[in-house]
Amino acid sequence: MAKYQINGIDGVELGAILTRFNFNLDRFPEAILPPGKGKGKGAGANVKEVIKNALDYIESTCAKNSKCNDYFKSLNKKRPISLRQILDEKRLDIYRLRPKVEGETDEDLPAGYTLGWGDNYAQIGLNKRYLTDFLFAAGTLLHELAHVAGAPGRDEDPDSLAAELAIKLCGIRGKFDPKAKG
């Protein structure tokens, strides 16, 4: 069962993390997203509920899929780890991606970003635009969890589709984006 905490929700305060990109990892300023701000079909969304439903879907569908777990293990030859192992062994610290460049909005940011991970944690930032539909959120989380497993990011291989392929191979085919790289 995935262990996670959402920065700014239910009294969890993880602080802000500066990045060298046009965004920082920060707290969610509101538990309910206003209508019309996302890519999904919802009119607004409860951040906690969408993330819970996304992780429940990943648990019940993706992490039970042997092809999915095998793909995750193939992403790092030195320290292979399956999706199931990540969910069982790491606490997910979930942050909101917040623009730090004046004049930029959430539309200028990626769907997600994985900052770092260790033996028992992973730090993942999510763009609130993708939290109006749990399948958008599940696809984004699955992509970011593939980075935790070893898929190269924008620094190692900006043209890599390895993390995005996890979405396709783990059963969320409709959310695969062939333009999402790194």
N, C-alpha and C. Protein backbone atom coordinates (compact mmCIF):
# COMPACT_ATOMS: atom_id res chain seq x y z
N MET A 1 0.85 -1.19 0.00
CA MET A 1 0.00 0.00 0.00
C MET A 1 0.89 1.24 0.00
N ALA A 2 0.60 2.14 -0.90
CA ALA A 2 1.41 3.34 -1.03
C ALA A 2 1.27 4.22 0.21
N LYS A 3 2.41 4.69 0.67
CA LYS A 3 2.44 5.67 1.76
C LYS A 3 2.76 7.01 1.11
N TYR A 4 1.99 8.03 1.45
CA TYR A 4 2.22 9.32 0.84
C TYR A 4 1.74 10.44 1.74
N GLN A 5 2.28 11.61 1.49
CA GLN A 5 1.82 12.82 2.16
C GLN A 5 1.82 13.94 1.14
N ILE A 6 0.80 14.81 1.24
CA ILE A 6 0.61 15.88 0.28
C ILE A 6 0.92 17.20 0.96
N ASN A 7 1.92 17.90 0.45
CA ASN A 7 2.37 19.15 1.05
C ASN A 7 1.24 20.19 1.05
N GLY A 8 0.87 20.67 2.24
CA GLY A 8 -0.16 21.69 2.38
C GLY A 8 -1.55 21.13 2.64
N ILE A 9 -1.71 19.81 2.59
CA ILE A 9 -3.02 19.19 2.80
C ILE A 9 -2.99 18.42 4.12
N ASP A 10 -4.06 18.56 4.88
CA ASP A 10 -4.20 17.86 6.17
C ASP A 10 -3.08 18.18 7.14
N GLY A 11 -2.62 19.41 7.14
CA GLY A 11 -1.60 19.83 8.10
C GLY A 11 -0.19 19.40 7.78
N VAL A 12 0.03 18.77 6.64
CA VAL A 12 1.38 18.36 6.25
C VAL A 12 2.11 19.58 5.67
N GLU A 13 3.22 19.94 6.28
CA GLU A 13 4.01 21.08 5.81
C GLU A 13 5.45 20.61 5.56
N LEU A 14 5.77 20.39 4.29
CA LEU A 14 7.09 19.90 3.92
C LEU A 14 8.03 21.03 3.51
N GLY A 15 7.50 22.25 3.42
CA GLY A 15 8.31 23.37 2.98
C GLY A 15 8.39 23.43 1.47
N ALA A 16 9.08 24.43 0.97
CA ALA A 16 9.27 24.60 -0.47
C ALA A 16 10.67 24.16 -0.84
N ILE A 17 10.82 23.68 -2.06
CA ILE A 17 12.12 23.25 -2.56
C ILE A 17 12.39 24.02 -3.84
N LEU A 18 13.53 24.70 -3.88
CA LEU A 18 13.91 25.45 -5.06
C LEU A 18 14.52 24.51 -6.09
N THR A 19 14.23 24.76 -7.36
CA THR A 19 14.85 24.00 -8.44
C THR A 19 15.56 24.97 -9.35
N ARG A 20 16.31 24.46 -10.29
CA ARG A 20 16.99 25.33 -11.25
C ARG A 20 16.14 25.55 -12.49
N PHE A 21 14.93 25.03 -12.47
CA PHE A 21 14.03 25.18 -13.60
C PHE A 21 13.08 26.36 -13.35
N ASN A 22 12.08 26.52 -14.19
CA ASN A 22 11.16 27.65 -14.06
C ASN A 22 10.04 27.38 -13.05
N PHE A 23 10.27 26.41 -12.17
CA PHE A 23 9.28 26.08 -11.15
C PHE A 23 9.97 25.64 -9.88
N ASN A 24 9.24 25.73 -8.78
CA ASN A 24 9.68 25.19 -7.50
C ASN A 24 8.69 24.14 -7.06
N LEU A 25 9.08 23.32 -6.10
CA LEU A 25 8.15 22.40 -5.47
C LEU A 25 7.65 23.09 -4.21
N ASP A 26 6.34 23.14 -4.05
CA ASP A 26 5.76 23.93 -2.97
C ASP A 26 4.54 23.21 -2.40
N ARG A 27 3.85 23.91 -1.53
CA ARG A 27 2.64 23.35 -0.92
C ARG A 27 1.45 23.63 -1.82
N PHE A 28 0.41 22.82 -1.67
CA PHE A 28 -0.86 23.11 -2.34
C PHE A 28 -1.55 24.18 -1.51
N PRO A 29 -1.85 25.34 -2.09
CA PRO A 29 -2.44 26.43 -1.32
C PRO A 29 -3.92 26.20 -1.01
N GLU A 30 -4.55 25.29 -1.74
CA GLU A 30 -5.96 25.02 -1.51
C GLU A 30 -6.22 23.53 -1.67
N ALA A 31 -7.16 23.02 -0.89
CA ALA A 31 -7.52 21.61 -0.97
C ALA A 31 -8.46 21.34 -2.13
N ILE A 32 -9.22 22.35 -2.53
CA ILE A 32 -10.17 22.23 -3.63
C ILE A 32 -9.71 23.16 -4.75
N LEU A 33 -9.46 22.60 -5.93
CA LEU A 33 -9.06 23.41 -7.06
C LEU A 33 -10.29 24.11 -7.64
N PRO A 34 -10.14 25.36 -8.06
CA PRO A 34 -11.29 26.07 -8.64
C PRO A 34 -11.69 25.48 -9.99
N PRO A 35 -12.93 25.66 -10.40
CA PRO A 35 -13.41 25.14 -11.68
C PRO A 35 -12.64 25.74 -12.86
N GLY A 36 -12.54 24.93 -13.92
CA GLY A 36 -11.99 25.42 -15.16
C GLY A 36 -10.49 25.60 -15.21
N LYS A 37 -9.73 25.03 -14.29
CA LYS A 37 -8.29 25.26 -14.26
C LYS A 37 -7.48 24.04 -14.68
N GLY A 38 -8.14 22.99 -15.12
CA GLY A 38 -7.37 21.78 -15.37
C GLY A 38 -7.54 21.22 -16.76
N LYS A 39 -6.82 20.12 -17.03
CA LYS A 39 -6.88 19.46 -18.31
C LYS A 39 -7.94 18.37 -18.32
N GLY A 40 -8.38 17.91 -17.17
CA GLY A 40 -9.36 16.85 -17.12
C GLY A 40 -10.76 17.37 -17.37
N LYS A 41 -11.75 16.52 -17.17
CA LYS A 41 -13.12 16.90 -17.47
C LYS A 41 -13.87 17.45 -16.27
N GLY A 42 -13.25 17.50 -15.12
CA GLY A 42 -13.94 17.95 -13.92
C GLY A 42 -14.15 19.46 -13.89
N ALA A 43 -15.08 19.89 -13.09
CA ALA A 43 -15.37 21.32 -12.96
C ALA A 43 -14.54 21.94 -11.84
N GLY A 44 -13.77 21.19 -11.19
CA GLY A 44 -12.96 21.57 -10.05
C GLY A 44 -12.57 20.25 -9.41
N ALA A 45 -11.66 20.23 -8.50
CA ALA A 45 -11.25 18.95 -7.96
C ALA A 45 -10.75 19.07 -6.53
N ASN A 46 -10.98 18.03 -5.79
CA ASN A 46 -10.46 17.88 -4.44
C ASN A 46 -9.08 17.23 -4.58
N VAL A 47 -8.02 17.97 -4.28
CA VAL A 47 -6.64 17.52 -4.48
C VAL A 47 -6.41 16.17 -3.79
N LYS A 48 -6.78 16.07 -2.54
CA LYS A 48 -6.54 14.84 -1.77
C LYS A 48 -7.28 13.65 -2.39
N GLU A 49 -8.51 13.87 -2.80
CA GLU A 49 -9.32 12.80 -3.38
C GLU A 49 -8.76 12.34 -4.72
N VAL A 50 -8.36 13.27 -5.57
CA VAL A 50 -7.82 12.91 -6.88
C VAL A 50 -6.52 12.13 -6.71
N ILE A 51 -5.63 12.58 -5.85
CA ILE A 51 -4.37 11.86 -5.64
C ILE A 51 -4.62 10.49 -5.04
N LYS A 52 -5.53 10.40 -4.08
CA LYS A 52 -5.86 9.10 -3.49
C LYS A 52 -6.41 8.15 -4.56
N ASN A 53 -7.35 8.64 -5.38
CA ASN A 53 -7.93 7.80 -6.43
C ASN A 53 -6.89 7.39 -7.46
N ALA A 54 -5.97 8.30 -7.79
CA ALA A 54 -4.90 7.97 -8.74
C ALA A 54 -4.00 6.88 -8.17
N LEU A 55 -3.60 7.03 -6.91
CA LEU A 55 -2.73 6.01 -6.30
C LEU A 55 -3.48 4.69 -6.11
N ASP A 56 -4.76 4.75 -5.78
CA ASP A 56 -5.55 3.52 -5.67
C ASP A 56 -5.59 2.79 -7.02
N TYR A 57 -5.75 3.55 -8.09
CA TYR A 57 -5.77 2.96 -9.42
C TYR A 57 -4.41 2.33 -9.74
N ILE A 58 -3.35 3.04 -9.46
CA ILE A 58 -2.01 2.49 -9.70
C ILE A 58 -1.80 1.21 -8.89
N GLU A 59 -2.25 1.22 -7.64
CA GLU A 59 -2.14 0.03 -6.77
C GLU A 59 -2.94 -1.15 -7.33
N SER A 60 -4.20 -0.89 -7.67
CA SER A 60 -5.12 -1.97 -8.03
C SER A 60 -4.95 -2.46 -9.46
N THR A 61 -4.42 -1.64 -10.33
CA THR A 61 -4.30 -2.02 -11.74
C THR A 61 -2.85 -2.18 -12.17
N CYS A 62 -2.06 -1.15 -12.03
CA CYS A 62 -0.69 -1.16 -12.56
C CYS A 62 0.25 -2.05 -11.75
N ALA A 63 0.25 -1.91 -10.44
CA ALA A 63 1.20 -2.63 -9.59
C ALA A 63 0.91 -4.12 -9.52
N LYS A 64 -0.25 -4.54 -10.01
CA LYS A 64 -0.58 -5.97 -10.06
C LYS A 64 -0.25 -6.58 -11.41
N ASN A 65 0.22 -5.76 -12.32
CA ASN A 65 0.52 -6.17 -13.69
C ASN A 65 1.99 -6.59 -13.77
N SER A 66 2.25 -7.85 -14.09
CA SER A 66 3.64 -8.33 -14.12
C SER A 66 4.44 -7.65 -15.22
N LYS A 67 3.83 -7.34 -16.38
CA LYS A 67 4.56 -6.62 -17.44
C LYS A 67 4.98 -5.24 -16.95
N CYS A 68 4.14 -4.59 -16.19
CA CYS A 68 4.45 -3.27 -15.65
C CYS A 68 5.63 -3.37 -14.68
N ASN A 69 5.56 -4.30 -13.75
CA ASN A 69 6.64 -4.47 -12.78
C ASN A 69 7.95 -4.86 -13.46
N ASP A 70 7.88 -5.71 -14.47
CA ASP A 70 9.08 -6.09 -15.20
C ASP A 70 9.68 -4.88 -15.92
N TYR A 71 8.81 -4.03 -16.49
CA TYR A 71 9.32 -2.83 -17.17
C TYR A 71 10.03 -1.92 -16.17
N PHE A 72 9.42 -1.70 -15.02
CA PHE A 72 10.06 -0.86 -14.00
C PHE A 72 11.42 -1.43 -13.61
N LYS A 73 11.51 -2.74 -13.43
CA LYS A 73 12.79 -3.35 -13.06
C LYS A 73 13.84 -3.21 -14.15
N SER A 74 13.40 -3.08 -15.40
CA SER A 74 14.36 -2.96 -16.51
C SER A 74 14.96 -1.56 -16.62
N LEU A 75 14.42 -0.59 -15.89
CA LEU A 75 14.86 0.80 -16.01
C LEU A 75 16.20 1.09 -15.33
N ASN A 76 16.62 0.20 -14.43
CA ASN A 76 17.90 0.39 -13.75
C ASN A 76 18.55 -0.98 -13.58
N LYS A 77 19.56 -1.24 -14.38
CA LYS A 77 20.20 -2.57 -14.36
C LYS A 77 20.98 -2.81 -13.06
N LYS A 78 21.54 -1.75 -12.46
CA LYS A 78 22.34 -1.93 -11.24
C LYS A 78 21.48 -2.14 -10.01
N ARG A 79 20.38 -1.40 -9.92
CA ARG A 79 19.49 -1.50 -8.75
C ARG A 79 18.04 -1.62 -9.22
N PRO A 80 17.66 -2.75 -9.82
CA PRO A 80 16.30 -2.88 -10.33
C PRO A 80 15.27 -2.82 -9.21
N ILE A 81 14.18 -2.13 -9.50
CA ILE A 81 13.09 -2.02 -8.53
C ILE A 81 11.77 -2.02 -9.29
N SER A 82 10.82 -2.76 -8.79
CA SER A 82 9.51 -2.83 -9.44
C SER A 82 8.61 -1.71 -8.93
N LEU A 83 7.55 -1.46 -9.66
CA LEU A 83 6.56 -0.50 -9.21
C LEU A 83 6.01 -0.93 -7.85
N ARG A 84 5.73 -2.23 -7.72
CA ARG A 84 5.20 -2.74 -6.44
C ARG A 84 6.16 -2.43 -5.30
N GLN A 85 7.45 -2.61 -5.50
CA GLN A 85 8.45 -2.32 -4.47
C GLN A 85 8.48 -0.84 -4.12
N ILE A 86 8.41 0.02 -5.13
CA ILE A 86 8.40 1.45 -4.86
C ILE A 86 7.22 1.81 -3.97
N LEU A 87 6.05 1.31 -4.32
CA LEU A 87 4.84 1.63 -3.54
C LEU A 87 4.91 1.07 -2.12
N ASP A 88 5.53 -0.09 -1.97
CA ASP A 88 5.62 -0.73 -0.66
C ASP A 88 6.74 -0.16 0.22
N GLU A 89 7.82 0.30 -0.40
CA GLU A 89 9.02 0.65 0.36
C GLU A 89 9.29 2.14 0.50
N LYS A 90 8.67 2.97 -0.31
CA LYS A 90 8.97 4.40 -0.27
C LYS A 90 7.74 5.22 0.13
N ARG A 91 7.99 6.28 0.87
CA ARG A 91 6.94 7.27 1.15
C ARG A 91 7.02 8.31 0.04
N LEU A 92 5.89 8.61 -0.54
CA LEU A 92 5.84 9.61 -1.61
C LEU A 92 5.52 10.96 -0.99
N ASP A 93 6.43 11.90 -1.13
CA ASP A 93 6.21 13.28 -0.69
C ASP A 93 5.74 14.04 -1.92
N ILE A 94 4.48 14.43 -1.93
CA ILE A 94 3.88 15.03 -3.11
C ILE A 94 3.75 16.54 -2.92
N TYR A 95 4.34 17.26 -3.86
CA TYR A 95 4.38 18.72 -3.85
C TYR A 95 3.60 19.26 -5.05
N ARG A 96 3.28 20.52 -4.98
CA ARG A 96 2.70 21.23 -6.12
C ARG A 96 3.85 21.91 -6.87
N LEU A 97 3.85 21.78 -8.20
CA LEU A 97 4.78 22.57 -9.00
C LEU A 97 4.22 23.98 -9.07
N ARG A 98 5.06 24.95 -8.73
CA ARG A 98 4.64 26.35 -8.72
C ARG A 98 5.59 27.16 -9.59
N PRO A 99 5.03 27.97 -10.51
CA PRO A 99 5.92 28.80 -11.35
C PRO A 99 6.74 29.74 -10.48
N LYS A 100 8.01 29.91 -10.85
CA LYS A 100 8.82 30.88 -10.11
C LYS A 100 9.24 32.05 -10.99
N VAL A 101 8.97 31.94 -12.27
CA VAL A 101 9.30 33.01 -13.19
C VAL A 101 8.08 33.92 -13.33
N GLU A 102 8.29 35.20 -13.09
CA GLU A 102 7.18 36.14 -13.16
C GLU A 102 6.52 36.09 -14.54
N GLY A 103 5.21 36.04 -14.55
CA GLY A 103 4.45 36.00 -15.79
C GLY A 103 4.14 34.60 -16.28
N GLU A 104 4.81 33.59 -15.72
CA GLU A 104 4.50 32.22 -16.13
C GLU A 104 3.36 31.68 -15.29
N THR A 105 2.62 30.75 -15.87
CA THR A 105 1.49 30.13 -15.19
C THR A 105 1.69 28.62 -15.16
N ASP A 106 0.74 27.92 -14.57
CA ASP A 106 0.80 26.46 -14.52
C ASP A 106 0.84 25.87 -15.93
N GLU A 107 0.29 26.55 -16.90
CA GLU A 107 0.31 26.07 -18.28
C GLU A 107 1.73 26.01 -18.86
N ASP A 108 2.66 26.75 -18.28
CA ASP A 108 4.04 26.77 -18.75
C ASP A 108 4.89 25.67 -18.10
N LEU A 109 4.31 24.91 -17.19
CA LEU A 109 5.06 23.91 -16.42
C LEU A 109 4.79 22.51 -16.93
N PRO A 110 5.71 21.58 -16.65
CA PRO A 110 5.45 20.18 -17.01
C PRO A 110 4.33 19.61 -16.13
N ALA A 111 3.83 18.46 -16.51
CA ALA A 111 2.78 17.79 -15.73
C ALA A 111 3.31 17.36 -14.37
N GLY A 112 4.57 16.95 -14.32
CA GLY A 112 5.15 16.49 -13.07
C GLY A 112 6.67 16.59 -13.12
N TYR A 113 7.27 16.36 -11.96
CA TYR A 113 8.72 16.42 -11.85
C TYR A 113 9.14 15.59 -10.64
N THR A 114 10.15 14.77 -10.82
CA THR A 114 10.72 14.01 -9.71
C THR A 114 12.02 14.68 -9.31
N LEU A 115 12.06 15.16 -8.07
CA LEU A 115 13.25 15.87 -7.61
C LEU A 115 14.31 14.91 -7.11
N GLY A 116 13.93 14.01 -6.24
CA GLY A 116 14.91 13.10 -5.67
C GLY A 116 14.24 11.92 -4.99
N TRP A 117 15.04 10.95 -4.63
CA TRP A 117 14.55 9.78 -3.92
C TRP A 117 15.69 9.12 -3.19
N GLY A 118 15.31 8.37 -2.19
CA GLY A 118 16.27 7.61 -1.41
C GLY A 118 15.69 6.24 -1.13
N ASP A 119 16.28 5.55 -0.17
CA ASP A 119 15.82 4.20 0.14
C ASP A 119 14.36 4.16 0.58
N ASN A 120 13.91 5.23 1.27
CA ASN A 120 12.55 5.17 1.82
C ASN A 120 11.65 6.35 1.44
N TYR A 121 12.05 7.16 0.46
CA TYR A 121 11.21 8.30 0.08
C TYR A 121 11.41 8.64 -1.40
N ALA A 122 10.44 9.38 -1.94
CA ALA A 122 10.56 9.97 -3.27
C ALA A 122 9.83 11.31 -3.23
N GLN A 123 10.44 12.33 -3.82
CA GLN A 123 9.84 13.68 -3.85
C GLN A 123 9.32 13.94 -5.26
N ILE A 124 8.01 14.12 -5.36
CA ILE A 124 7.36 14.28 -6.66
C ILE A 124 6.53 15.56 -6.64
N GLY A 125 6.71 16.37 -7.67
CA GLY A 125 5.91 17.57 -7.84
C GLY A 125 4.87 17.34 -8.92
N LEU A 126 3.65 17.83 -8.70
CA LEU A 126 2.57 17.68 -9.67
C LEU A 126 2.03 19.05 -10.05
N ASN A 127 1.75 19.22 -11.31
CA ASN A 127 1.11 20.43 -11.81
C ASN A 127 -0.38 20.31 -11.49
N LYS A 128 -0.93 21.30 -10.82
CA LYS A 128 -2.32 21.20 -10.39
C LYS A 128 -3.29 21.12 -11.56
N ARG A 129 -2.87 21.51 -12.75
CA ARG A 129 -3.73 21.39 -13.93
C ARG A 129 -4.10 19.94 -14.23
N TYR A 130 -3.27 19.01 -13.79
CA TYR A 130 -3.49 17.60 -14.09
C TYR A 130 -4.21 16.88 -12.95
N LEU A 131 -4.74 17.63 -12.01
CA LEU A 131 -5.39 17.01 -10.86
C LEU A 131 -6.91 17.14 -10.90
N THR A 132 -7.47 17.39 -12.06
CA THR A 132 -8.93 17.47 -12.15
C THR A 132 -9.52 16.13 -12.57
N ASP A 133 -8.68 15.19 -12.92
CA ASP A 133 -9.12 13.86 -13.36
C ASP A 133 -8.13 12.84 -12.81
N PHE A 134 -8.62 11.82 -12.14
CA PHE A 134 -7.69 10.90 -11.48
C PHE A 134 -6.83 10.12 -12.47
N LEU A 135 -7.32 9.90 -13.70
CA LEU A 135 -6.47 9.19 -14.66
C LEU A 135 -5.34 10.06 -15.19
N PHE A 136 -5.58 11.36 -15.36
CA PHE A 136 -4.48 12.26 -15.70
C PHE A 136 -3.44 12.21 -14.57
N ALA A 137 -3.91 12.29 -13.34
CA ALA A 137 -3.02 12.25 -12.18
C ALA A 137 -2.29 10.91 -12.10
N ALA A 138 -3.01 9.81 -12.35
CA ALA A 138 -2.38 8.48 -12.30
C ALA A 138 -1.29 8.36 -13.36
N GLY A 139 -1.57 8.85 -14.57
CA GLY A 139 -0.56 8.80 -15.62
C GLY A 139 0.67 9.62 -15.27
N THR A 140 0.43 10.81 -14.72
CA THR A 140 1.56 11.67 -14.32
C THR A 140 2.36 11.02 -13.20
N LEU A 141 1.68 10.48 -12.19
CA LEU A 141 2.39 9.81 -11.09
C LEU A 141 3.16 8.60 -11.59
N LEU A 142 2.56 7.82 -12.47
CA LEU A 142 3.25 6.64 -13.00
C LEU A 142 4.51 7.05 -13.76
N HIS A 143 4.42 8.10 -14.55
CA HIS A 143 5.59 8.63 -15.26
C HIS A 143 6.69 9.01 -14.26
N GLU A 144 6.31 9.73 -13.21
CA GLU A 144 7.29 10.17 -12.22
C GLU A 144 7.86 8.99 -11.44
N LEU A 145 7.04 8.00 -11.14
CA LEU A 145 7.54 6.81 -10.44
C LEU A 145 8.52 6.03 -11.31
N ALA A 146 8.36 6.10 -12.63
CA ALA A 146 9.33 5.46 -13.53
C ALA A 146 10.69 6.13 -13.40
N HIS A 147 10.71 7.45 -13.16
CA HIS A 147 12.00 8.12 -12.91
C HIS A 147 12.62 7.60 -11.61
N VAL A 148 11.80 7.38 -10.61
CA VAL A 148 12.30 6.83 -9.34
C VAL A 148 12.93 5.46 -9.59
N ALA A 149 12.35 4.70 -10.52
CA ALA A 149 12.88 3.36 -10.84
C ALA A 149 14.14 3.42 -11.69
N GLY A 150 14.41 4.56 -12.33
CA GLY A 150 15.64 4.68 -13.10
C GLY A 150 15.49 5.23 -14.51
N ALA A 151 14.26 5.57 -14.95
CA ALA A 151 14.10 6.16 -16.28
C ALA A 151 14.85 7.48 -16.33
N PRO A 152 15.59 7.73 -17.41
CA PRO A 152 16.35 8.98 -17.49
C PRO A 152 15.43 10.20 -17.54
N GLY A 153 15.91 11.28 -16.96
CA GLY A 153 15.16 12.53 -16.97
C GLY A 153 15.73 13.48 -17.99
N ARG A 154 15.29 14.74 -17.90
CA ARG A 154 15.69 15.73 -18.90
C ARG A 154 17.19 16.01 -18.91
N ASP A 155 17.87 15.82 -17.79
CA ASP A 155 19.32 16.04 -17.76
C ASP A 155 20.10 14.90 -18.42
N GLU A 156 19.68 13.66 -18.15
CA GLU A 156 20.41 12.50 -18.67
C GLU A 156 20.13 12.27 -20.16
N ASP A 157 18.86 12.36 -20.53
CA ASP A 157 18.46 12.09 -21.92
C ASP A 157 17.15 12.80 -22.20
N PRO A 158 17.22 14.06 -22.64
CA PRO A 158 16.01 14.86 -22.81
C PRO A 158 15.03 14.30 -23.84
N ASP A 159 15.49 13.42 -24.74
CA ASP A 159 14.59 12.85 -25.75
C ASP A 159 14.03 11.48 -25.36
N SER A 160 14.37 11.00 -24.18
CA SER A 160 13.94 9.67 -23.76
C SER A 160 12.43 9.62 -23.52
N LEU A 161 11.83 8.54 -23.96
CA LEU A 161 10.42 8.27 -23.68
C LEU A 161 10.26 7.17 -22.63
N ALA A 162 11.35 6.79 -21.97
CA ALA A 162 11.31 5.66 -21.04
C ALA A 162 10.28 5.84 -19.93
N ALA A 163 10.23 7.01 -19.32
CA ALA A 163 9.25 7.23 -18.24
C ALA A 163 7.83 7.26 -18.79
N GLU A 164 7.65 7.87 -19.94
CA GLU A 164 6.31 7.96 -20.53
C GLU A 164 5.81 6.60 -20.98
N LEU A 165 6.70 5.73 -21.42
CA LEU A 165 6.31 4.38 -21.82
C LEU A 165 5.70 3.59 -20.67
N ALA A 166 6.08 3.93 -19.45
CA ALA A 166 5.49 3.24 -18.29
C ALA A 166 3.98 3.40 -18.30
N ILE A 167 3.49 4.56 -18.71
CA ILE A 167 2.04 4.80 -18.75
C ILE A 167 1.39 3.81 -19.71
N LYS A 168 1.97 3.68 -20.86
CA LYS A 168 1.42 2.79 -21.90
C LYS A 168 1.51 1.32 -21.47
N LEU A 169 2.67 0.93 -20.95
CA LEU A 169 2.90 -0.47 -20.61
C LEU A 169 2.22 -0.91 -19.32
N CYS A 170 1.81 0.06 -18.52
CA CYS A 170 1.19 -0.28 -17.24
C CYS A 170 -0.32 -0.09 -17.25
N GLY A 171 -0.90 0.07 -18.42
CA GLY A 171 -2.35 0.02 -18.52
C GLY A 171 -3.11 1.34 -18.54
N ILE A 172 -2.42 2.46 -18.76
CA ILE A 172 -3.14 3.74 -18.86
C ILE A 172 -2.86 4.29 -20.26
N ARG A 173 -3.10 3.47 -21.25
CA ARG A 173 -2.77 3.76 -22.65
C ARG A 173 -3.28 5.11 -23.13
N GLY A 174 -4.48 5.48 -22.76
CA GLY A 174 -5.09 6.72 -23.24
C GLY A 174 -4.39 7.98 -22.76
N LYS A 175 -3.53 7.88 -21.76
CA LYS A 175 -2.82 9.05 -21.23
C LYS A 175 -1.37 9.12 -21.70
N PHE A 176 -0.95 8.17 -22.52
CA PHE A 176 0.40 8.18 -23.08
C PHE A 176 0.54 9.38 -24.02
N ASP A 177 1.62 10.14 -23.86
CA ASP A 177 1.88 11.31 -24.69
C ASP A 177 3.23 11.13 -25.38
N PRO A 178 3.24 10.85 -26.69
CA PRO A 178 4.51 10.61 -27.37
C PRO A 178 5.41 11.85 -27.42
N LYS A 179 4.90 13.01 -27.04
CA LYS A 179 5.70 14.25 -27.04
C LYS A 179 6.32 14.51 -25.66
N ALA A 180 5.91 13.75 -24.65
CA ALA A 180 6.45 13.95 -23.28
C ALA A 180 7.81 13.29 -23.21
N LYS A 181 8.83 14.08 -23.05
CA LYS A 181 10.18 13.53 -23.08
C LYS A 181 10.94 13.86 -21.80
N GLY A 182 11.98 13.07 -21.58
CA GLY A 182 12.87 13.35 -20.46
C GLY A 182 12.36 12.99 -19.16
